[in-house]
Amino acid sequence: MKKIHLLVGTTLGGAEYVADALVPYIEQAGFDTEIHNPADLSSFNADEKQLWLVITSTHGAGDYPESFQEFANQLMAQRPMLRAINYGVIGIGDSSYDTFCEAGKNIDALLQDLGAVQTSELLTIDVQEHTIPEDAAEAWIPNWLNAVQKYA
C-alpha cells in the first residue's frame, strides 16, 4: 500500500491537530500514513517515489515553526533533487498579519525549486475565518486525495 508522509510544522499544536484529523480520511482512501513531527530529511530517500503532505503554521514574522525549521534548513543546505516527491502543502495562518501563511508559501516554493511535483495548489487556512483549521482541511482533503491517486 502506498504511504503518505505528513510533515508537520507547529508551534502551538494546530498543524498537528490538522494532521491527526486528516489521517482517517487518508487511510480510508487506501493509503498508509506516517506523521513526521519533527520532520527530518535523513528519514527520506529523495530518489524513492513518495507522497508528502506538508502541514505548517507560520511563526513570528513569517518564520517556520521551531519544530520545522531544522527540516527547512536541511533542504536549503543540502539542496537534494526531489523529483521523485509528489506533495501538497497546507499553510495555517492569520490574515491579520502581513506574513499570512508565509511558512507554507516558502516551503511550497522551496520544494518546487528542488524539483518536487506539486499535486495541487497550496491550501491556506485563515484562522480568522476557520477557527477550527481541521474543518477547512477536512473539506479540502478529498480533492487532494483524488489528485494524488495518479502518483500513487
N, C-alpha and C. Protein backbone atom coordinates (compact mmCIF):
# COMPACT_ATOMS: atom_id res chain seq x y z
N MET A 1 0.84 -1.17 0.00
CA MET A 1 0.00 0.00 0.00
C MET A 1 0.89 1.24 0.00
N LYS A 2 0.52 2.24 -0.75
CA LYS A 2 1.26 3.49 -0.84
C LYS A 2 1.09 4.29 0.45
N LYS A 3 2.13 5.00 0.82
CA LYS A 3 2.13 5.77 2.06
C LYS A 3 2.15 7.27 1.76
N ILE A 4 1.43 8.02 2.59
CA ILE A 4 1.52 9.47 2.57
C ILE A 4 2.22 9.90 3.85
N HIS A 5 3.30 10.64 3.67
CA HIS A 5 4.07 11.17 4.79
C HIS A 5 3.51 12.55 5.12
N LEU A 6 3.09 12.75 6.35
CA LEU A 6 2.60 14.05 6.80
C LEU A 6 3.72 14.72 7.58
N LEU A 7 4.26 15.80 7.02
CA LEU A 7 5.37 16.53 7.62
C LEU A 7 4.79 17.76 8.32
N VAL A 8 4.95 17.81 9.63
CA VAL A 8 4.25 18.79 10.44
C VAL A 8 5.20 19.84 11.00
N GLY A 9 4.80 21.10 10.86
CA GLY A 9 5.50 22.21 11.49
C GLY A 9 4.51 22.96 12.36
N THR A 10 4.73 22.92 13.67
CA THR A 10 3.75 23.52 14.58
C THR A 10 4.43 24.18 15.76
N THR A 11 3.81 25.21 16.27
CA THR A 11 4.29 25.88 17.48
C THR A 11 3.34 25.59 18.64
N LEU A 12 2.06 25.79 18.42
CA LEU A 12 1.07 25.60 19.48
C LEU A 12 0.24 24.33 19.29
N GLY A 13 0.53 23.54 18.26
CA GLY A 13 -0.16 22.27 18.07
C GLY A 13 -1.24 22.27 17.00
N GLY A 14 -1.58 23.43 16.44
CA GLY A 14 -2.66 23.48 15.45
C GLY A 14 -2.40 22.64 14.22
N ALA A 15 -1.19 22.69 13.68
CA ALA A 15 -0.86 21.90 12.49
C ALA A 15 -0.88 20.40 12.82
N GLU A 16 -0.46 20.06 14.03
CA GLU A 16 -0.50 18.66 14.44
C GLU A 16 -1.94 18.17 14.55
N TYR A 17 -2.83 19.01 15.07
CA TYR A 17 -4.25 18.64 15.13
C TYR A 17 -4.80 18.41 13.73
N VAL A 18 -4.42 19.24 12.79
CA VAL A 18 -4.87 19.07 11.41
C VAL A 18 -4.37 17.74 10.86
N ALA A 19 -3.10 17.43 11.07
CA ALA A 19 -2.54 16.16 10.59
C ALA A 19 -3.31 14.99 11.18
N ASP A 20 -3.52 15.02 12.49
CA ASP A 20 -4.24 13.93 13.15
C ASP A 20 -5.66 13.79 12.60
N ALA A 21 -6.32 14.90 12.31
CA ALA A 21 -7.68 14.87 11.78
C ALA A 21 -7.74 14.30 10.38
N LEU A 22 -6.66 14.47 9.59
CA LEU A 22 -6.66 14.01 8.20
C LEU A 22 -6.32 12.53 8.06
N VAL A 23 -5.66 11.96 9.05
CA VAL A 23 -5.23 10.56 8.94
C VAL A 23 -6.38 9.62 8.59
N PRO A 24 -7.55 9.67 9.25
CA PRO A 24 -8.63 8.75 8.88
C PRO A 24 -9.09 8.89 7.42
N TYR A 25 -9.13 10.11 6.91
CA TYR A 25 -9.52 10.34 5.51
C TYR A 25 -8.50 9.70 4.57
N ILE A 26 -7.24 9.88 4.89
CA ILE A 26 -6.17 9.36 4.04
C ILE A 26 -6.18 7.83 4.06
N GLU A 27 -6.34 7.26 5.24
CA GLU A 27 -6.36 5.80 5.35
C GLU A 27 -7.60 5.21 4.70
N GLN A 28 -8.74 5.90 4.80
CA GLN A 28 -9.96 5.44 4.15
C GLN A 28 -9.80 5.43 2.63
N ALA A 29 -8.95 6.30 2.11
CA ALA A 29 -8.69 6.36 0.66
C ALA A 29 -7.69 5.29 0.23
N GLY A 30 -7.20 4.48 1.17
CA GLY A 30 -6.34 3.36 0.81
C GLY A 30 -4.86 3.60 0.98
N PHE A 31 -4.49 4.65 1.70
CA PHE A 31 -3.07 4.95 1.92
C PHE A 31 -2.69 4.65 3.36
N ASP A 32 -1.47 4.23 3.56
CA ASP A 32 -0.88 4.22 4.90
C ASP A 32 -0.43 5.64 5.19
N THR A 33 -0.25 5.95 6.47
CA THR A 33 0.21 7.29 6.85
C THR A 33 1.37 7.19 7.83
N GLU A 34 2.20 8.20 7.80
CA GLU A 34 3.25 8.35 8.80
C GLU A 34 3.40 9.84 9.07
N ILE A 35 3.25 10.21 10.34
CA ILE A 35 3.40 11.61 10.73
C ILE A 35 4.83 11.85 11.17
N HIS A 36 5.42 12.90 10.63
CA HIS A 36 6.80 13.30 10.97
C HIS A 36 6.74 14.64 11.69
N ASN A 37 6.88 14.60 13.01
CA ASN A 37 6.85 15.81 13.82
C ASN A 37 7.85 15.65 14.96
N PRO A 38 9.05 16.12 14.76
CA PRO A 38 9.52 16.97 13.68
C PRO A 38 9.93 16.15 12.45
N ALA A 39 9.90 16.79 11.31
CA ALA A 39 10.38 16.18 10.07
C ALA A 39 11.90 16.22 10.07
N ASP A 40 12.50 15.19 9.48
CA ASP A 40 13.97 15.10 9.39
C ASP A 40 14.31 14.56 8.01
N LEU A 41 15.09 15.30 7.26
CA LEU A 41 15.42 14.91 5.89
C LEU A 41 16.08 13.54 5.82
N SER A 42 16.84 13.17 6.85
CA SER A 42 17.52 11.87 6.83
C SER A 42 16.54 10.70 6.89
N SER A 43 15.27 10.96 7.20
CA SER A 43 14.25 9.91 7.23
C SER A 43 13.78 9.51 5.84
N PHE A 44 14.18 10.27 4.83
CA PHE A 44 13.66 10.07 3.48
C PHE A 44 14.77 9.76 2.49
N ASN A 45 14.46 8.90 1.52
CA ASN A 45 15.34 8.65 0.38
C ASN A 45 14.78 9.50 -0.76
N ALA A 46 15.47 10.55 -1.11
CA ALA A 46 14.97 11.50 -2.11
C ALA A 46 14.79 10.87 -3.49
N ASP A 47 15.42 9.72 -3.72
CA ASP A 47 15.29 9.06 -5.01
C ASP A 47 14.10 8.10 -5.06
N GLU A 48 13.47 7.87 -3.93
CA GLU A 48 12.34 6.94 -3.85
C GLU A 48 11.04 7.71 -4.05
N LYS A 49 10.17 7.20 -4.91
CA LYS A 49 8.89 7.85 -5.17
C LYS A 49 8.09 7.93 -3.86
N GLN A 50 7.66 9.14 -3.52
CA GLN A 50 6.94 9.35 -2.26
C GLN A 50 5.88 10.42 -2.41
N LEU A 51 4.91 10.37 -1.50
CA LEU A 51 3.88 11.39 -1.40
C LEU A 51 4.04 12.09 -0.06
N TRP A 52 4.18 13.41 -0.10
CA TRP A 52 4.32 14.22 1.11
C TRP A 52 3.13 15.17 1.21
N LEU A 53 2.62 15.32 2.42
CA LEU A 53 1.66 16.38 2.71
C LEU A 53 2.27 17.20 3.84
N VAL A 54 2.68 18.42 3.51
CA VAL A 54 3.30 19.31 4.49
C VAL A 54 2.20 20.16 5.11
N ILE A 55 2.16 20.18 6.43
CA ILE A 55 1.16 20.96 7.16
C ILE A 55 1.93 21.84 8.13
N THR A 56 1.90 23.14 7.89
CA THR A 56 2.69 24.03 8.75
C THR A 56 1.97 25.33 9.06
N SER A 57 2.18 25.78 10.26
CA SER A 57 1.73 27.11 10.64
C SER A 57 2.88 28.08 10.37
N THR A 58 2.62 29.35 10.54
CA THR A 58 3.66 30.37 10.42
C THR A 58 3.89 30.96 11.80
N HIS A 59 5.14 31.15 12.13
CA HIS A 59 5.52 31.64 13.46
C HIS A 59 6.19 33.01 13.34
N GLY A 60 5.95 33.85 14.30
CA GLY A 60 6.64 35.14 14.34
C GLY A 60 6.42 35.97 13.09
N ALA A 61 7.51 36.46 12.52
CA ALA A 61 7.46 37.34 11.36
C ALA A 61 7.60 36.55 10.06
N GLY A 62 6.73 35.54 9.90
CA GLY A 62 6.76 34.75 8.67
C GLY A 62 7.69 33.57 8.72
N ASP A 63 8.12 33.17 9.91
CA ASP A 63 9.10 32.10 10.06
C ASP A 63 8.44 30.73 10.12
N TYR A 64 9.28 29.71 9.89
CA TYR A 64 8.84 28.35 10.13
C TYR A 64 8.72 28.13 11.63
N PRO A 65 7.81 27.27 12.06
CA PRO A 65 7.78 26.90 13.48
C PRO A 65 9.11 26.23 13.86
N GLU A 66 9.47 26.34 15.11
CA GLU A 66 10.72 25.76 15.58
C GLU A 66 10.82 24.27 15.24
N SER A 67 9.70 23.55 15.33
CA SER A 67 9.71 22.11 15.06
C SER A 67 9.98 21.79 13.59
N PHE A 68 9.88 22.79 12.70
CA PHE A 68 10.04 22.57 11.26
C PHE A 68 11.27 23.27 10.71
N GLN A 69 11.83 24.19 11.47
CA GLN A 69 12.96 25.00 10.99
C GLN A 69 14.15 24.14 10.57
N GLU A 70 14.48 23.12 11.36
CA GLU A 70 15.64 22.28 11.05
C GLU A 70 15.44 21.56 9.71
N PHE A 71 14.23 21.06 9.46
CA PHE A 71 13.94 20.38 8.19
C PHE A 71 14.14 21.35 7.03
N ALA A 72 13.60 22.56 7.16
CA ALA A 72 13.76 23.56 6.10
C ALA A 72 15.23 23.90 5.91
N ASN A 73 15.97 24.02 7.01
CA ASN A 73 17.41 24.29 6.92
C ASN A 73 18.14 23.16 6.20
N GLN A 74 17.76 21.92 6.49
CA GLN A 74 18.38 20.77 5.82
C GLN A 74 18.14 20.84 4.31
N LEU A 75 16.91 21.14 3.92
CA LEU A 75 16.60 21.25 2.50
C LEU A 75 17.42 22.35 1.84
N MET A 76 17.51 23.51 2.49
CA MET A 76 18.24 24.64 1.91
C MET A 76 19.74 24.38 1.85
N ALA A 77 20.28 23.70 2.84
CA ALA A 77 21.73 23.44 2.88
C ALA A 77 22.14 22.31 1.94
N GLN A 78 21.36 21.22 1.94
CA GLN A 78 21.74 20.04 1.15
C GLN A 78 21.25 20.11 -0.28
N ARG A 79 20.17 20.85 -0.51
CA ARG A 79 19.59 21.03 -1.85
C ARG A 79 19.43 19.71 -2.61
N PRO A 80 18.78 18.71 -1.99
CA PRO A 80 18.59 17.44 -2.69
C PRO A 80 17.62 17.61 -3.86
N MET A 81 17.83 16.85 -4.91
CA MET A 81 16.87 16.85 -6.00
C MET A 81 15.70 15.96 -5.58
N LEU A 82 14.51 16.52 -5.59
CA LEU A 82 13.33 15.82 -5.08
C LEU A 82 12.35 15.45 -6.19
N ARG A 83 12.86 15.10 -7.35
CA ARG A 83 11.99 14.80 -8.50
C ARG A 83 11.04 13.64 -8.25
N ALA A 84 11.38 12.75 -7.31
CA ALA A 84 10.52 11.60 -7.02
C ALA A 84 9.43 11.93 -6.01
N ILE A 85 9.45 13.14 -5.47
CA ILE A 85 8.49 13.53 -4.44
C ILE A 85 7.31 14.27 -5.06
N ASN A 86 6.11 13.80 -4.76
CA ASN A 86 4.88 14.49 -5.11
C ASN A 86 4.29 15.00 -3.80
N TYR A 87 3.84 16.24 -3.79
CA TYR A 87 3.48 16.82 -2.50
C TYR A 87 2.32 17.80 -2.59
N GLY A 88 1.76 18.07 -1.42
CA GLY A 88 0.81 19.14 -1.22
C GLY A 88 1.21 19.88 0.04
N VAL A 89 0.75 21.12 0.16
CA VAL A 89 1.06 21.93 1.34
C VAL A 89 -0.22 22.56 1.88
N ILE A 90 -0.37 22.45 3.20
CA ILE A 90 -1.42 23.18 3.91
C ILE A 90 -0.72 24.19 4.80
N GLY A 91 -0.99 25.46 4.56
CA GLY A 91 -0.45 26.53 5.40
C GLY A 91 -1.54 27.06 6.31
N ILE A 92 -1.20 27.24 7.58
CA ILE A 92 -2.16 27.75 8.56
C ILE A 92 -1.64 29.09 9.06
N GLY A 93 -2.51 30.11 9.02
CA GLY A 93 -2.07 31.42 9.46
C GLY A 93 -3.22 32.34 9.80
N ASP A 94 -2.88 33.55 10.08
CA ASP A 94 -3.83 34.58 10.49
C ASP A 94 -3.70 35.76 9.52
N SER A 95 -4.76 36.02 8.78
CA SER A 95 -4.71 37.04 7.73
C SER A 95 -4.58 38.46 8.28
N SER A 96 -4.66 38.64 9.58
CA SER A 96 -4.45 39.98 10.12
C SER A 96 -2.96 40.34 10.15
N TYR A 97 -2.10 39.37 9.83
CA TYR A 97 -0.65 39.61 9.73
C TYR A 97 -0.24 39.67 8.27
N ASP A 98 0.72 40.52 7.95
CA ASP A 98 1.17 40.63 6.56
C ASP A 98 2.01 39.43 6.13
N THR A 99 2.36 38.56 7.06
CA THR A 99 3.11 37.34 6.73
C THR A 99 2.18 36.13 6.73
N PHE A 100 0.92 36.34 6.38
CA PHE A 100 -0.09 35.28 6.37
C PHE A 100 0.40 34.05 5.60
N CYS A 101 0.46 32.93 6.28
CA CYS A 101 0.84 31.63 5.70
C CYS A 101 2.20 31.66 5.01
N GLU A 102 3.09 32.53 5.45
CA GLU A 102 4.40 32.67 4.81
C GLU A 102 5.21 31.38 4.85
N ALA A 103 5.15 30.65 5.97
CA ALA A 103 5.90 29.39 6.07
C ALA A 103 5.40 28.39 5.03
N GLY A 104 4.09 28.27 4.88
CA GLY A 104 3.53 27.37 3.87
C GLY A 104 3.92 27.78 2.46
N LYS A 105 3.86 29.08 2.18
CA LYS A 105 4.25 29.58 0.86
C LYS A 105 5.74 29.33 0.60
N ASN A 106 6.56 29.53 1.63
CA ASN A 106 8.00 29.34 1.45
C ASN A 106 8.38 27.88 1.24
N ILE A 107 7.77 26.96 2.00
CA ILE A 107 8.12 25.55 1.81
C ILE A 107 7.60 25.06 0.46
N ASP A 108 6.46 25.56 0.03
CA ASP A 108 5.92 25.21 -1.28
C ASP A 108 6.90 25.63 -2.38
N ALA A 109 7.38 26.86 -2.31
CA ALA A 109 8.34 27.36 -3.31
C ALA A 109 9.66 26.59 -3.25
N LEU A 110 10.12 26.27 -2.04
CA LEU A 110 11.38 25.53 -1.90
C LEU A 110 11.27 24.13 -2.48
N LEU A 111 10.18 23.43 -2.19
CA LEU A 111 10.00 22.08 -2.73
C LEU A 111 9.95 22.11 -4.26
N GLN A 112 9.25 23.08 -4.83
CA GLN A 112 9.22 23.21 -6.29
C GLN A 112 10.61 23.48 -6.84
N ASP A 113 11.35 24.35 -6.17
CA ASP A 113 12.71 24.69 -6.59
C ASP A 113 13.62 23.46 -6.59
N LEU A 114 13.36 22.54 -5.68
CA LEU A 114 14.17 21.32 -5.58
C LEU A 114 13.66 20.20 -6.48
N GLY A 115 12.65 20.49 -7.30
CA GLY A 115 12.19 19.53 -8.29
C GLY A 115 11.01 18.68 -7.89
N ALA A 116 10.49 18.86 -6.68
CA ALA A 116 9.31 18.10 -6.26
C ALA A 116 8.11 18.53 -7.10
N VAL A 117 7.16 17.62 -7.25
CA VAL A 117 5.99 17.87 -8.09
C VAL A 117 4.80 18.24 -7.22
N GLN A 118 4.31 19.46 -7.40
CA GLN A 118 3.15 19.94 -6.66
C GLN A 118 1.90 19.25 -7.23
N THR A 119 1.14 18.59 -6.36
CA THR A 119 -0.04 17.86 -6.81
C THR A 119 -1.31 18.70 -6.80
N SER A 120 -1.28 19.82 -6.09
CA SER A 120 -2.41 20.75 -6.06
C SER A 120 -1.92 22.08 -5.52
N GLU A 121 -2.73 23.10 -5.71
CA GLU A 121 -2.38 24.42 -5.19
C GLU A 121 -2.27 24.38 -3.67
N LEU A 122 -1.41 25.22 -3.14
CA LEU A 122 -1.28 25.39 -1.70
C LEU A 122 -2.63 25.75 -1.08
N LEU A 123 -2.99 25.04 -0.01
CA LEU A 123 -4.19 25.39 0.75
C LEU A 123 -3.76 26.32 1.87
N THR A 124 -4.34 27.50 1.92
CA THR A 124 -4.09 28.41 3.04
C THR A 124 -5.34 28.45 3.90
N ILE A 125 -5.14 28.23 5.19
CA ILE A 125 -6.25 28.25 6.14
C ILE A 125 -6.07 29.48 7.03
N ASP A 126 -7.05 30.35 6.98
CA ASP A 126 -7.05 31.58 7.77
C ASP A 126 -7.82 31.32 9.07
N VAL A 127 -7.13 31.40 10.20
CA VAL A 127 -7.78 31.14 11.48
C VAL A 127 -8.78 32.24 11.85
N GLN A 128 -8.74 33.37 11.14
CA GLN A 128 -9.77 34.39 11.33
C GLN A 128 -11.11 33.91 10.77
N GLU A 129 -11.02 33.11 9.70
CA GLU A 129 -12.21 32.60 9.02
C GLU A 129 -12.58 31.19 9.49
N HIS A 130 -11.58 30.38 9.78
CA HIS A 130 -11.78 28.99 10.21
C HIS A 130 -11.15 28.83 11.59
N THR A 131 -11.93 29.05 12.62
CA THR A 131 -11.37 28.97 13.97
C THR A 131 -10.96 27.55 14.32
N ILE A 132 -11.51 26.58 13.61
CA ILE A 132 -11.08 25.19 13.75
C ILE A 132 -10.46 24.80 12.41
N PRO A 133 -9.13 24.91 12.28
CA PRO A 133 -8.47 24.65 10.99
C PRO A 133 -8.73 23.26 10.43
N GLU A 134 -8.98 22.29 11.31
CA GLU A 134 -9.25 20.93 10.85
C GLU A 134 -10.44 20.90 9.90
N ASP A 135 -11.45 21.72 10.15
CA ASP A 135 -12.65 21.72 9.30
C ASP A 135 -12.31 22.09 7.86
N ALA A 136 -11.50 23.12 7.66
CA ALA A 136 -11.12 23.53 6.31
C ALA A 136 -10.27 22.45 5.64
N ALA A 137 -9.38 21.84 6.40
CA ALA A 137 -8.52 20.78 5.85
C ALA A 137 -9.34 19.55 5.48
N GLU A 138 -10.31 19.21 6.31
CA GLU A 138 -11.16 18.04 6.03
C GLU A 138 -12.02 18.27 4.78
N ALA A 139 -12.42 19.51 4.53
CA ALA A 139 -13.19 19.82 3.32
C ALA A 139 -12.31 19.73 2.08
N TRP A 140 -11.02 20.02 2.21
CA TRP A 140 -10.06 20.05 1.10
C TRP A 140 -9.49 18.67 0.76
N ILE A 141 -9.31 17.82 1.76
CA ILE A 141 -8.54 16.59 1.57
C ILE A 141 -9.13 15.63 0.52
N PRO A 142 -10.44 15.48 0.35
CA PRO A 142 -10.91 14.55 -0.69
C PRO A 142 -10.41 14.91 -2.09
N ASN A 143 -10.41 16.20 -2.43
CA ASN A 143 -9.92 16.61 -3.75
C ASN A 143 -8.43 16.35 -3.89
N TRP A 144 -7.66 16.59 -2.81
CA TRP A 144 -6.23 16.33 -2.87
C TRP A 144 -5.96 14.84 -3.04
N LEU A 145 -6.71 14.02 -2.32
CA LEU A 145 -6.52 12.57 -2.44
C LEU A 145 -6.86 12.09 -3.85
N ASN A 146 -7.90 12.65 -4.46
CA ASN A 146 -8.20 12.31 -5.86
C ASN A 146 -7.05 12.69 -6.77
N ALA A 147 -6.46 13.85 -6.53
CA ALA A 147 -5.35 14.32 -7.37
C ALA A 147 -4.12 13.44 -7.23
N VAL A 148 -3.85 12.93 -6.03
CA VAL A 148 -2.62 12.15 -5.83
C VAL A 148 -2.76 10.70 -6.25
N GLN A 149 -3.96 10.23 -6.53
CA GLN A 149 -4.13 8.83 -6.94
C GLN A 149 -3.26 8.50 -8.14
N LYS A 150 -3.09 9.43 -9.06
CA LYS A 150 -2.29 9.16 -10.26
C LYS A 150 -0.80 9.07 -9.95
N TYR A 151 -0.39 9.56 -8.78
CA TYR A 151 1.02 9.50 -8.39
C TYR A 151 1.31 8.29 -7.51
N ALA A 152 0.27 7.63 -7.05
CA ALA A 152 0.44 6.51 -6.10
C ALA A 152 0.93 5.25 -6.80
